[in-house]
Amino acid sequence: MRLSLVVSTLSLVLACTHAATPPAEASKPGGPGSPEAAARIRALADESWEGQLKLDPLLATLVGDTRYDDRLPDALSDAGREAIRQLAVRTRTGLDAIPRAELRGEDAFTWAVLDEQTRTTLDGLPFDDHLMPLDSLSSIAVQMPVLGSGVGMQPFRTVRDYDNFLARLRAFSSWADLAIARSREGMTKGFIQPRPVILRLLPQLESQVVARPEDSTFWGPVERMPSSFSAADRDRLTRAYREAITGTINPGPKAVAIKKAELNPDTWGVHVEGEGKDAAGAVVRYVIDGKLENIGAYQRILSGTWTEGGKKGDFRLVRN
């Protein structure tokens, strides 16, 4: 309860000058207040805090709660946003049932903080800021290298800690896919970050592209792996982090960055464009044009043509 007030609301106390004015009854001496009302607001604050930790695992990691160290927040999917809304609505329903005039001191302050916090959440959801998931300061894409460096807030003391971050890396892969989709959706609706923000972000992301896993920020925990780990755990975790860096975080210099991907729902035509680099570092353009067949069958087919620089060919893929 005390920690939740410190972490969740300092910014509100410092920056929000438009908080609702307490009712006249709340500012009158009027005795010690109601013990029942005090117990209810404290229980509601604890319930709200637990809900916030579950919905925002990075916040939990920040305050030293390791229960959700293997997860990432979901503020981009429809289901995740609805869960955030429901927590705010439940908390406001609880606030409405507690007579504020019967609260005193810290309990009255807790009521005001929860009121402001949930009001801000509900007012902000319709603005669709989830359609701009990338920025140079607080985006998960920027936080992950700090978390995975081994010197940030993510703990790397036990074997379980190491496995937790591997799970968080897998969650990041899904987050990145959704962030790309939401960014594209945002562009069609005019939700775009200012150019200076993106110009500051790109070097941060590009710095994670390395030729060797050992050169990656995410290799830090492997270098600092506790000597108390068994040989089997050290070998398993080293291999797992190498695979995670080369397969999830940085597919390597041979990777092809997808620049465009389209599916025509009328013709089931597929068009994909990508860019990679050859051994000399020159840009190579890739293009795939194909068509999906047997859509209703399990053994659907994708066939068409491909180009890789000056090379061309045909392909046919069958789902078996």
C-alpha atoms as a PDB file:
ATOM      1  CA  MET A   1       0.000   0.000   0.000  1.00  0.00           C
ATOM      2  CA  ARG A   2       2.717   2.531   1.011  1.00  0.00           C
ATOM      3  CA  LEU A   3       4.929   1.535  -1.926  1.00  0.00           C
ATOM      4  CA  SER A   4       2.046   1.789  -4.370  1.00  0.00           C
ATOM      5  CA  LEU A   5       1.406   5.366  -3.311  1.00  0.00           C
ATOM      6  CA  VAL A   6       5.060   6.280  -3.764  1.00  0.00           C
ATOM      7  CA  VAL A   7       5.579   4.601  -7.157  1.00  0.00           C
ATOM      8  CA  SER A   8       2.203   5.142  -8.782  1.00  0.00           C
ATOM      9  CA  THR A   9       1.354   8.629  -7.734  1.00  0.00           C
ATOM     10  CA  LEU A  10       4.410  10.840  -7.280  1.00  0.00           C
ATOM     11  CA  SER A  11       3.971  12.162 -10.805  1.00  0.00           C
ATOM     12  CA  LEU A  12       0.330  12.900 -10.090  1.00  0.00           C
ATOM     13  CA  VAL A  13       1.165  14.752  -6.899  1.00  0.00           C
ATOM     14  CA  LEU A  14       3.873  16.788  -8.620  1.00  0.00           C
ATOM     15  CA  ALA A  15       2.214  17.452 -11.970  1.00  0.00           C
ATOM     16  CA  CYS A  16      -1.552  17.209 -11.668  1.00  0.00           C
ATOM     17  CA  THR A  17      -2.831  20.546 -10.431  1.00  0.00           C
ATOM     18  CA  HIS A  18      -6.352  19.861 -11.631  1.00  0.00           C
ATOM     19  CA  ALA A  19      -7.263  17.125  -9.155  1.00  0.00           C
ATOM     20  CA  ALA A  20     -10.817  17.136  -7.968  1.00  0.00           C
ATOM     21  CA  THR A  21     -11.413  19.411  -4.990  1.00  0.00           C
ATOM     22  CA  PRO A  22     -12.331  17.461  -1.839  1.00  0.00           C
ATOM     23  CA  PRO A  23     -15.886  17.916  -0.673  1.00  0.00           C
ATOM     24  CA  ALA A  24     -16.379  20.434   2.095  1.00  0.00           C
ATOM     25  CA  GLU A  25     -17.173  17.655   4.572  1.00  0.00           C
ATOM     26  CA  ALA A  26     -13.757  16.028   3.963  1.00  0.00           C
ATOM     27  CA  SER A  27     -11.870  19.146   5.080  1.00  0.00           C
ATOM     28  CA  LYS A  28     -13.761  19.595   8.336  1.00  0.00           C
ATOM     29  CA  PRO A  29     -12.232  18.178  11.558  1.00  0.00           C
ATOM     30  CA  GLY A  30     -15.332  16.103  12.310  1.00  0.00           C
ATOM     31  CA  GLY A  31     -13.618  13.565  14.551  1.00  0.00           C
ATOM     32  CA  PRO A  32     -11.314  10.664  13.727  1.00  0.00           C
ATOM     33  CA  GLY A  33     -13.298   9.431  10.745  1.00  0.00           C
ATOM     34  CA  SER A  34     -14.750   6.003  10.130  1.00  0.00           C
ATOM     35  CA  PRO A  35     -12.545   2.933  10.810  1.00  0.00           C
ATOM     36  CA  GLU A  36     -14.729   0.941   8.427  1.00  0.00           C
ATOM     37  CA  ALA A  37     -14.276   3.452   5.606  1.00  0.00           C
ATOM     38  CA  ALA A  38     -10.530   3.535   6.291  1.00  0.00           C
ATOM     39  CA  ALA A  39     -10.284  -0.261   6.090  1.00  0.00           C
ATOM     40  CA  ARG A  40     -12.246  -0.313   2.845  1.00  0.00           C
ATOM     41  CA  ILE A  41     -10.110   2.309   1.080  1.00  0.00           C
ATOM     42  CA  ARG A  42      -6.926   0.507   2.149  1.00  0.00           C
ATOM     43  CA  ALA A  43      -8.245  -2.808   0.872  1.00  0.00           C
ATOM     44  CA  LEU A  44      -9.292  -1.187  -2.407  1.00  0.00           C
ATOM     45  CA  ALA A  45      -5.846   0.403  -2.813  1.00  0.00           C
ATOM     46  CA  ASP A  46      -4.164  -2.962  -2.248  1.00  0.00           C
ATOM     47  CA  GLU A  47      -6.488  -4.615  -4.769  1.00  0.00           C
ATOM     48  CA  SER A  48      -5.843  -1.893  -7.332  1.00  0.00           C
ATOM     49  CA  TRP A  49      -2.078  -2.145  -6.786  1.00  0.00           C
ATOM     50  CA  GLU A  50      -2.124  -5.915  -7.278  1.00  0.00           C
ATOM     51  CA  GLY A  51      -4.059  -5.404 -10.492  1.00  0.00           C
ATOM     52  CA  GLN A  52      -1.535  -2.850 -11.727  1.00  0.00           C
ATOM     53  CA  LEU A  53       1.384  -5.176 -11.029  1.00  0.00           C
ATOM     54  CA  LYS A  54      -0.254  -7.985 -12.978  1.00  0.00           C
ATOM     55  CA  LEU A  55      -1.067  -5.747 -15.944  1.00  0.00           C
ATOM     56  CA  ASP A  56       2.335  -4.028 -15.886  1.00  0.00           C
ATOM     57  CA  PRO A  57       5.019  -6.643 -15.138  1.00  0.00           C
ATOM     58  CA  LEU A  58       7.781  -4.075 -15.733  1.00  0.00           C
ATOM     59  CA  LEU A  59       6.382  -2.007 -12.872  1.00  0.00           C
ATOM     60  CA  ALA A  60       6.457  -5.136 -10.717  1.00  0.00           C
ATOM     61  CA  THR A  61      10.099  -5.734 -11.642  1.00  0.00           C
ATOM     62  CA  LEU A  62      10.904  -2.089 -10.869  1.00  0.00           C
ATOM     63  CA  VAL A  63       9.562  -2.338  -7.308  1.00  0.00           C
ATOM     64  CA  GLY A  64      11.237  -5.697  -6.654  1.00  0.00           C
ATOM     65  CA  ASP A  65       8.217  -7.969  -7.099  1.00  0.00           C
ATOM     66  CA  THR A  66       9.585 -10.925  -9.083  1.00  0.00           C
ATOM     67  CA  ARG A  67       6.293 -12.760  -9.671  1.00  0.00           C
ATOM     68  CA  TYR A  68       5.929 -11.405 -13.198  1.00  0.00           C
ATOM     69  CA  ASP A  69       9.579 -11.191 -14.283  1.00  0.00           C
ATOM     70  CA  ASP A  70       8.848 -13.552 -17.183  1.00  0.00           C
ATOM     71  CA  ARG A  71       6.212 -11.290 -18.770  1.00  0.00           C
ATOM     72  CA  LEU A  72       5.759  -7.962 -20.516  1.00  0.00           C
ATOM     73  CA  PRO A  73       2.869  -5.485 -20.321  1.00  0.00           C
ATOM     74  CA  ASP A  74       0.099  -5.822 -22.878  1.00  0.00           C
ATOM     75  CA  ALA A  75      -1.096  -2.313 -23.600  1.00  0.00           C
ATOM     76  CA  LEU A  76      -1.349  -2.803 -27.376  1.00  0.00           C
ATOM     77  CA  SER A  77      -3.852  -5.620 -27.933  1.00  0.00           C
ATOM     78  CA  ASP A  78      -7.591  -5.080 -27.646  1.00  0.00           C
ATOM     79  CA  ALA A  79      -7.746  -7.615 -24.812  1.00  0.00           C
ATOM     80  CA  GLY A  80      -4.919  -5.915 -22.926  1.00  0.00           C
ATOM     81  CA  ARG A  81      -6.491  -2.485 -23.248  1.00  0.00           C
ATOM     82  CA  GLU A  82      -9.821  -3.845 -22.097  1.00  0.00           C
ATOM     83  CA  ALA A  83      -8.173  -5.361 -19.015  1.00  0.00           C
ATOM     84  CA  ILE A  84      -6.689  -1.941 -18.188  1.00  0.00           C
ATOM     85  CA  ARG A  85     -10.113  -0.342 -18.595  1.00  0.00           C
ATOM     86  CA  GLN A  86     -11.845  -2.949 -16.451  1.00  0.00           C
ATOM     87  CA  LEU A  87      -9.378  -2.485 -13.582  1.00  0.00           C
ATOM     88  CA  ALA A  88      -9.988   1.271 -13.635  1.00  0.00           C
ATOM     89  CA  VAL A  89     -13.767   0.786 -13.731  1.00  0.00           C
ATOM     90  CA  ARG A  90     -13.691  -1.718 -10.852  1.00  0.00           C
ATOM     91  CA  THR A  91     -11.582   0.651  -8.790  1.00  0.00           C
ATOM     92  CA  ARG A  92     -13.926   3.576  -9.456  1.00  0.00           C
ATOM     93  CA  THR A  93     -16.901   1.436  -8.527  1.00  0.00           C
ATOM     94  CA  GLY A  94     -15.169   0.690  -5.243  1.00  0.00           C
ATOM     95  CA  LEU A  95     -14.443   4.375  -4.671  1.00  0.00           C
ATOM     96  CA  ASP A  96     -18.074   5.299  -5.212  1.00  0.00           C
ATOM     97  CA  ALA A  97     -19.079   2.859  -2.478  1.00  0.00           C
ATOM     98  CA  ILE A  98     -16.754   4.441   0.119  1.00  0.00           C
ATOM     99  CA  PRO A  99     -17.992   7.628   1.861  1.00  0.00           C
ATOM    100  CA  ARG A 100     -15.113  10.027   1.261  1.00  0.00           C
ATOM    101  CA  ALA A 101     -16.316  12.426   3.932  1.00  0.00           C
ATOM    102  CA  GLU A 102     -15.559   9.734   6.535  1.00  0.00           C
ATOM    103  CA  LEU A 103     -11.879   9.441   5.561  1.00  0.00           C
ATOM    104  CA  ARG A 104      -9.018  11.308   7.217  1.00  0.00           C
ATOM    105  CA  GLY A 105      -5.336  11.923   6.575  1.00  0.00           C
ATOM    106  CA  GLU A 106      -3.571   9.339   4.426  1.00  0.00           C
ATOM    107  CA  ASP A 107      -6.812   7.511   3.731  1.00  0.00           C
ATOM    108  CA  ALA A 108      -8.384  10.653   2.256  1.00  0.00           C
ATOM    109  CA  PHE A 109      -5.246  11.140   0.170  1.00  0.00           C
ATOM    110  CA  THR A 110      -5.419   7.513  -1.043  1.00  0.00           C
ATOM    111  CA  TRP A 111      -9.018   8.068  -2.181  1.00  0.00           C
ATOM    112  CA  ALA A 112      -7.975  11.202  -4.115  1.00  0.00           C
ATOM    113  CA  VAL A 113      -5.012   9.453  -5.743  1.00  0.00           C
ATOM    114  CA  LEU A 114      -7.085   6.467  -6.895  1.00  0.00           C
ATOM    115  CA  ASP A 115      -9.758   8.829  -8.175  1.00  0.00           C
ATOM    116  CA  GLU A 116      -7.260  10.855 -10.210  1.00  0.00           C
ATOM    117  CA  GLN A 117      -5.365   7.789 -11.423  1.00  0.00           C
ATOM    118  CA  THR A 118      -8.401   5.907 -12.689  1.00  0.00           C
ATOM    119  CA  ARG A 119      -9.972   9.027 -14.165  1.00  0.00           C
ATOM    120  CA  THR A 120      -6.769   9.703 -16.116  1.00  0.00           C
ATOM    121  CA  THR A 121      -6.675   6.110 -17.339  1.00  0.00           C
ATOM    122  CA  LEU A 122     -10.264   6.103 -18.575  1.00  0.00           C
ATOM    123  CA  ASP A 123      -9.950   9.560 -20.146  1.00  0.00           C
ATOM    124  CA  GLY A 124      -6.778   8.531 -21.965  1.00  0.00           C
ATOM    125  CA  LEU A 125      -7.833   5.207 -23.486  1.00  0.00           C
ATOM    126  CA  PRO A 126      -9.991   6.728 -26.271  1.00  0.00           C
ATOM    127  CA  PHE A 127      -7.009   8.715 -27.579  1.00  0.00           C
ATOM    128  CA  ASP A 128      -5.461   5.528 -29.055  1.00  0.00           C
ATOM    129  CA  ASP A 129      -1.862   6.250 -28.086  1.00  0.00           C
ATOM    130  CA  HIS A 130      -1.288   2.502 -28.457  1.00  0.00           C
ATOM    131  CA  LEU A 131      -1.079   3.240 -32.178  1.00  0.00           C
ATOM    132  CA  MET A 132       2.263   4.965 -31.491  1.00  0.00           C
ATOM    133  CA  PRO A 133       4.072   2.254 -29.490  1.00  0.00           C
ATOM    134  CA  LEU A 134       7.621   3.391 -30.342  1.00  0.00           C
ATOM    135  CA  ASP A 135       9.516   6.297 -28.819  1.00  0.00           C
ATOM    136  CA  SER A 136      13.056   7.041 -27.704  1.00  0.00           C
ATOM    137  CA  LEU A 137      12.438   7.125 -23.949  1.00  0.00           C
ATOM    138  CA  SER A 138       9.910   4.670 -22.553  1.00  0.00           C
ATOM    139  CA  SER A 139       9.060   2.235 -25.345  1.00  0.00           C
ATOM    140  CA  ILE A 140       9.488  -1.436 -24.465  1.00  0.00           C
ATOM    141  CA  ALA A 141      11.837  -1.690 -27.449  1.00  0.00           C
ATOM    142  CA  VAL A 142      14.132   0.799 -25.688  1.00  0.00           C
ATOM    143  CA  GLN A 143      13.711  -0.711 -22.227  1.00  0.00           C
ATOM    144  CA  MET A 144      14.570  -4.282 -23.252  1.00  0.00           C
ATOM    145  CA  PRO A 145      18.328  -3.733 -23.792  1.00  0.00           C
ATOM    146  CA  VAL A 146      18.541  -2.070 -20.379  1.00  0.00           C
ATOM    147  CA  LEU A 147      16.654  -4.944 -18.780  1.00  0.00           C
ATOM    148  CA  GLY A 148      18.767  -7.531 -20.578  1.00  0.00           C
ATOM    149  CA  SER A 149      22.137  -5.943 -19.914  1.00  0.00           C
ATOM    150  CA  GLY A 150      22.449  -7.604 -16.526  1.00  0.00           C
ATOM    151  CA  VAL A 151      22.999  -4.294 -14.749  1.00  0.00           C
ATOM    152  CA  GLY A 152      19.447  -2.938 -14.848  1.00  0.00           C
ATOM    153  CA  MET A 153      16.399  -3.643 -12.712  1.00  0.00           C
ATOM    154  CA  GLN A 154      15.904  -7.178 -14.105  1.00  0.00           C
ATOM    155  CA  PRO A 155      17.410  -9.597 -11.549  1.00  0.00           C
ATOM    156  CA  PHE A 156      20.008 -12.148 -12.688  1.00  0.00           C
ATOM    157  CA  ARG A 157      20.886 -13.883  -9.451  1.00  0.00           C
ATOM    158  CA  THR A 158      19.355 -17.338  -9.838  1.00  0.00           C
ATOM    159  CA  VAL A 159      18.794 -19.872 -12.597  1.00  0.00           C
ATOM    160  CA  ARG A 160      15.118 -18.996 -12.436  1.00  0.00           C
ATOM    161  CA  ASP A 161      15.986 -15.318 -12.983  1.00  0.00           C
ATOM    162  CA  TYR A 162      17.822 -16.257 -16.179  1.00  0.00           C
ATOM    163  CA  ASP A 163      14.915 -18.398 -17.373  1.00  0.00           C
ATOM    164  CA  ASN A 164      12.486 -15.594 -16.542  1.00  0.00           C
ATOM    165  CA  PHE A 165      14.283 -13.192 -18.847  1.00  0.00           C
ATOM    166  CA  LEU A 166      14.402 -15.771 -21.621  1.00  0.00           C
ATOM    167  CA  ALA A 167      10.610 -15.957 -21.339  1.00  0.00           C
ATOM    168  CA  ARG A 168      10.462 -12.158 -21.381  1.00  0.00           C
ATOM    169  CA  LEU A 169      12.531 -12.183 -24.584  1.00  0.00           C
ATOM    170  CA  ARG A 170      10.023 -14.544 -26.185  1.00  0.00           C
ATOM    171  CA  ALA A 171       7.245 -12.202 -25.109  1.00  0.00           C
ATOM    172  CA  PHE A 172       9.172  -9.330 -26.680  1.00  0.00           C
ATOM    173  CA  SER A 173       9.078 -11.074 -30.056  1.00  0.00           C
ATOM    174  CA  SER A 174       5.271 -11.106 -29.908  1.00  0.00           C
ATOM    175  CA  TRP A 175       5.216  -7.523 -28.642  1.00  0.00           C
ATOM    176  CA  ALA A 176       7.384  -6.373 -31.553  1.00  0.00           C
ATOM    177  CA  ASP A 177       5.082  -8.002 -34.100  1.00  0.00           C
ATOM    178  CA  LEU A 178       2.063  -6.286 -32.553  1.00  0.00           C
ATOM    179  CA  ALA A 179       3.933  -2.967 -32.278  1.00  0.00           C
ATOM    180  CA  ILE A 180       4.647  -3.098 -36.010  1.00  0.00           C
ATOM    181  CA  ALA A 181       0.995  -3.821 -36.769  1.00  0.00           C
ATOM    182  CA  ARG A 182      -0.222  -1.035 -34.449  1.00  0.00           C
ATOM    183  CA  SER A 183       2.273   1.438 -35.932  1.00  0.00           C
ATOM    184  CA  ARG A 184       1.015   0.720 -39.427  1.00  0.00           C
ATOM    185  CA  GLU A 185      -2.566   1.084 -38.238  1.00  0.00           C
ATOM    186  CA  GLY A 186      -1.631   4.381 -36.631  1.00  0.00           C
ATOM    187  CA  MET A 187      -0.048   5.704 -39.815  1.00  0.00           C
ATOM    188  CA  THR A 188      -3.268   5.114 -41.731  1.00  0.00           C
ATOM    189  CA  LYS A 189      -5.101   7.197 -39.108  1.00  0.00           C
ATOM    190  CA  GLY A 190      -2.529   9.953 -38.830  1.00  0.00           C
ATOM    191  CA  PHE A 191      -1.059   8.838 -35.493  1.00  0.00           C
ATOM    192  CA  ILE A 192       2.666   9.419 -36.058  1.00  0.00           C
ATOM    193  CA  GLN A 193       5.475  10.355 -33.686  1.00  0.00           C
ATOM    194  CA  PRO A 194       7.279  13.643 -34.432  1.00  0.00           C
ATOM    195  CA  ARG A 195      10.290  13.183 -36.696  1.00  0.00           C
ATOM    196  CA  PRO A 196      12.877  14.117 -33.991  1.00  0.00           C
ATOM    197  CA  VAL A 197      11.547  11.342 -31.745  1.00  0.00           C
ATOM    198  CA  ILE A 198      12.047   8.699 -34.437  1.00  0.00           C
ATOM    199  CA  LEU A 199      15.458  10.094 -35.388  1.00  0.00           C
ATOM    200  CA  ARG A 200      16.548   9.609 -31.773  1.00  0.00           C
ATOM    201  CA  LEU A 201      14.987   6.136 -31.636  1.00  0.00           C
ATOM    202  CA  LEU A 202      16.536   4.613 -34.764  1.00  0.00           C
ATOM    203  CA  PRO A 203      20.178   4.670 -33.565  1.00  0.00           C
ATOM    204  CA  GLN A 204      19.068   3.030 -30.312  1.00  0.00           C
ATOM    205  CA  LEU A 205      17.485   0.163 -32.220  1.00  0.00           C
ATOM    206  CA  GLU A 206      20.241  -0.128 -34.815  1.00  0.00           C
ATOM    207  CA  SER A 207      22.879  -0.420 -32.079  1.00  0.00           C
ATOM    208  CA  GLN A 208      21.386  -3.793 -31.127  1.00  0.00           C
ATOM    209  CA  VAL A 209      22.255  -5.269 -34.533  1.00  0.00           C
ATOM    210  CA  VAL A 210      25.603  -6.993 -34.003  1.00  0.00           C
ATOM    211  CA  ALA A 211      27.652  -9.562 -35.888  1.00  0.00           C
ATOM    212  CA  ARG A 212      28.284 -11.799 -32.857  1.00  0.00           C
ATOM    213  CA  PRO A 213      26.090 -12.583 -29.838  1.00  0.00           C
ATOM    214  CA  GLU A 214      29.074 -11.759 -27.621  1.00  0.00           C
ATOM    215  CA  ASP A 215      28.918  -8.167 -28.875  1.00  0.00           C
ATOM    216  CA  SER A 216      25.280  -7.774 -27.839  1.00  0.00           C
ATOM    217  CA  THR A 217      24.094  -5.866 -24.798  1.00  0.00           C
ATOM    218  CA  PHE A 218      22.038  -8.969 -23.995  1.00  0.00           C
ATOM    219  CA  TRP A 219      25.211 -11.032 -23.574  1.00  0.00           C
ATOM    220  CA  GLY A 220      25.979  -9.220 -20.314  1.00  0.00           C
ATOM    221  CA  PRO A 221      24.148 -11.729 -18.071  1.00  0.00           C
ATOM    222  CA  VAL A 222      26.106 -14.600 -19.677  1.00  0.00           C
ATOM    223  CA  GLU A 223      29.419 -12.908 -18.933  1.00  0.00           C
ATOM    224  CA  ARG A 224      28.324 -12.273 -15.342  1.00  0.00           C
ATOM    225  CA  MET A 225      26.711 -15.658 -14.745  1.00  0.00           C
ATOM    226  CA  PRO A 226      27.145 -16.652 -11.069  1.00  0.00           C
ATOM    227  CA  SER A 227      29.844 -19.256 -10.456  1.00  0.00           C
ATOM    228  CA  SER A 228      27.408 -21.092  -8.184  1.00  0.00           C
ATOM    229  CA  PHE A 229      25.415 -22.315 -11.200  1.00  0.00           C
ATOM    230  CA  SER A 230      25.986 -25.939 -12.131  1.00  0.00           C
ATOM    231  CA  ALA A 231      27.939 -26.761 -15.284  1.00  0.00           C
ATOM    232  CA  ALA A 232      24.754 -28.119 -16.876  1.00  0.00           C
ATOM    233  CA  ASP A 233      22.817 -24.914 -16.144  1.00  0.00           C
ATOM    234  CA  ARG A 234      25.670 -22.727 -17.358  1.00  0.00           C
ATOM    235  CA  ASP A 235      25.874 -24.649 -20.632  1.00  0.00           C
ATOM    236  CA  ARG A 236      22.091 -24.670 -21.149  1.00  0.00           C
ATOM    237  CA  LEU A 237      21.660 -20.976 -20.382  1.00  0.00           C
ATOM    238  CA  THR A 238      24.628 -19.927 -22.515  1.00  0.00           C
ATOM    239  CA  ARG A 239      23.204 -21.773 -25.500  1.00  0.00           C
ATOM    240  CA  ALA A 240      19.711 -20.428 -24.818  1.00  0.00           C
ATOM    241  CA  TYR A 241      20.895 -16.815 -24.639  1.00  0.00           C
ATOM    242  CA  ARG A 242      22.966 -17.237 -27.793  1.00  0.00           C
ATOM    243  CA  GLU A 243      19.909 -18.572 -29.634  1.00  0.00           C
ATOM    244  CA  ALA A 244      17.662 -15.844 -28.215  1.00  0.00           C
ATOM    245  CA  ILE A 245      20.041 -13.081 -29.316  1.00  0.00           C
ATOM    246  CA  THR A 246      20.564 -14.451 -32.824  1.00  0.00           C
ATOM    247  CA  GLY A 247      16.989 -15.596 -33.342  1.00  0.00           C
ATOM    248  CA  THR A 248      14.763 -13.165 -31.433  1.00  0.00           C
ATOM    249  CA  ILE A 249      16.647  -9.938 -30.775  1.00  0.00           C
ATOM    250  CA  ASN A 250      19.111  -9.878 -33.657  1.00  0.00           C
ATOM    251  CA  PRO A 251      18.629 -12.385 -36.469  1.00  0.00           C
ATOM    252  CA  GLY A 252      22.145 -11.500 -37.679  1.00  0.00           C
ATOM    253  CA  PRO A 253      23.774  -9.874 -40.695  1.00  0.00           C
ATOM    254  CA  LYS A 254      22.105 -12.336 -43.083  1.00  0.00           C
ATOM    255  CA  ALA A 255      18.625 -11.335 -41.963  1.00  0.00           C
ATOM    256  CA  VAL A 256      16.201  -9.737 -44.394  1.00  0.00           C
ATOM    257  CA  ALA A 257      14.271  -6.737 -43.108  1.00  0.00           C
ATOM    258  CA  ILE A 258      10.680  -6.817 -44.339  1.00  0.00           C
ATOM    259  CA  LYS A 259       9.848  -3.434 -45.863  1.00  0.00           C
ATOM    260  CA  LYS A 260       6.400  -4.233 -47.221  1.00  0.00           C
ATOM    261  CA  ALA A 261       3.947  -7.114 -46.909  1.00  0.00           C
ATOM    262  CA  GLU A 262       0.504  -7.164 -48.491  1.00  0.00           C
ATOM    263  CA  LEU A 263      -2.318  -9.681 -48.845  1.00  0.00           C
ATOM    264  CA  ASN A 264      -5.144  -8.987 -51.289  1.00  0.00           C
ATOM    265  CA  PRO A 265      -8.269 -10.601 -49.775  1.00  0.00           C
ATOM    266  CA  ASP A 266     -10.085 -10.526 -53.121  1.00  0.00           C
ATOM    267  CA  THR A 267      -7.491 -12.451 -55.130  1.00  0.00           C
ATOM    268  CA  TRP A 268      -5.463 -13.977 -52.250  1.00  0.00           C
ATOM    269  CA  GLY A 269      -2.396 -12.467 -53.854  1.00  0.00           C
ATOM    270  CA  VAL A 270       0.691 -12.004 -51.696  1.00  0.00           C
ATOM    271  CA  HIS A 271       3.379  -9.356 -52.201  1.00  0.00           C
ATOM    272  CA  VAL A 272       6.458  -9.053 -49.948  1.00  0.00           C
ATOM    273  CA  GLU A 273       9.460  -6.733 -50.268  1.00  0.00           C
ATOM    274  CA  GLY A 274      12.602  -6.906 -48.169  1.00  0.00           C
ATOM    275  CA  GLU A 275      16.168  -5.675 -47.949  1.00  0.00           C
ATOM    276  CA  GLY A 276      19.310  -7.426 -46.805  1.00  0.00           C
ATOM    277  CA  LYS A 277      23.044  -7.103 -47.339  1.00  0.00           C
ATOM    278  CA  ASP A 278      25.501  -9.243 -49.241  1.00  0.00           C
ATOM    279  CA  ALA A 279      28.959 -10.253 -48.018  1.00  0.00           C
ATOM    280  CA  ALA A 280      30.380  -6.910 -49.139  1.00  0.00           C
ATOM    281  CA  GLY A 281      27.731  -4.976 -47.247  1.00  0.00           C
ATOM    282  CA  ALA A 282      25.834  -3.856 -50.344  1.00  0.00           C
ATOM    283  CA  VAL A 283      22.045  -3.673 -50.111  1.00  0.00           C
ATOM    284  CA  VAL A 284      20.188  -6.544 -51.782  1.00  0.00           C
ATOM    285  CA  ARG A 285      16.490  -6.192 -52.597  1.00  0.00           C
ATOM    286  CA  TYR A 286      14.135  -9.144 -52.271  1.00  0.00           C
ATOM    287  CA  VAL A 287      10.657  -9.408 -53.793  1.00  0.00           C
ATOM    288  CA  ILE A 288       8.118 -12.219 -53.497  1.00  0.00           C
ATOM    289  CA  ASP A 289       4.890 -12.313 -55.503  1.00  0.00           C
ATOM    290  CA  GLY A 290       2.603 -15.259 -54.967  1.00  0.00           C
ATOM    291  CA  LYS A 291      -0.921 -16.511 -54.597  1.00  0.00           C
ATOM    292  CA  LEU A 292      -2.630 -18.596 -51.955  1.00  0.00           C
ATOM    293  CA  GLU A 293      -4.633 -21.586 -53.196  1.00  0.00           C
ATOM    294  CA  ASN A 294      -6.865 -24.158 -51.493  1.00  0.00           C
ATOM    295  CA  ILE A 295      -7.735 -21.604 -48.827  1.00  0.00           C
ATOM    296  CA  GLY A 296     -10.376 -23.767 -47.206  1.00  0.00           C
ATOM    297  CA  ALA A 297      -8.175 -26.865 -47.050  1.00  0.00           C
ATOM    298  CA  TYR A 298      -5.498 -27.739 -44.538  1.00  0.00           C
ATOM    299  CA  GLN A 299      -2.964 -28.347 -47.326  1.00  0.00           C
ATOM    300  CA  ARG A 300      -3.167 -24.812 -48.640  1.00  0.00           C
ATOM    301  CA  ILE A 301      -0.601 -23.752 -51.229  1.00  0.00           C
ATOM    302  CA  LEU A 302       1.465 -20.614 -51.735  1.00  0.00           C
ATOM    303  CA  SER A 303       3.208 -20.384 -55.108  1.00  0.00           C
ATOM    304  CA  GLY A 304       4.758 -17.624 -57.169  1.00  0.00           C
ATOM    305  CA  THR A 305       8.026 -15.932 -58.077  1.00  0.00           C
ATOM    306  CA  TRP A 306      10.960 -14.493 -56.161  1.00  0.00           C
ATOM    307  CA  THR A 307      13.842 -12.160 -56.899  1.00  0.00           C
ATOM    308  CA  GLU A 308      17.065 -11.700 -54.940  1.00  0.00           C
ATOM    309  CA  GLY A 309      19.050  -8.877 -56.433  1.00  0.00           C
ATOM    310  CA  GLY A 310      19.647 -10.030 -60.003  1.00  0.00           C
ATOM    311  CA  LYS A 311      18.534 -13.610 -59.368  1.00  0.00           C
ATOM    312  CA  LYS A 312      15.029 -14.868 -60.106  1.00  0.00           C
ATOM    313  CA  GLY A 313      13.105 -18.060 -59.576  1.00  0.00           C
ATOM    314  CA  ASP A 314       9.811 -19.799 -58.845  1.00  0.00           C
ATOM    315  CA  PHE A 315       8.601 -21.346 -55.616  1.00  0.00           C
ATOM    316  CA  ARG A 316       5.757 -23.539 -54.395  1.00  0.00           C
ATOM    317  CA  LEU A 317       5.027 -24.135 -50.696  1.00  0.00           C
ATOM    318  CA  VAL A 318       2.500 -26.701 -49.471  1.00  0.00           C
ATOM    319  CA  ARG A 319       1.308 -26.872 -45.883  1.00  0.00           C
ATOM    320  CA  ASN A 320       1.620 -30.514 -44.748  1.00  0.00           C
END
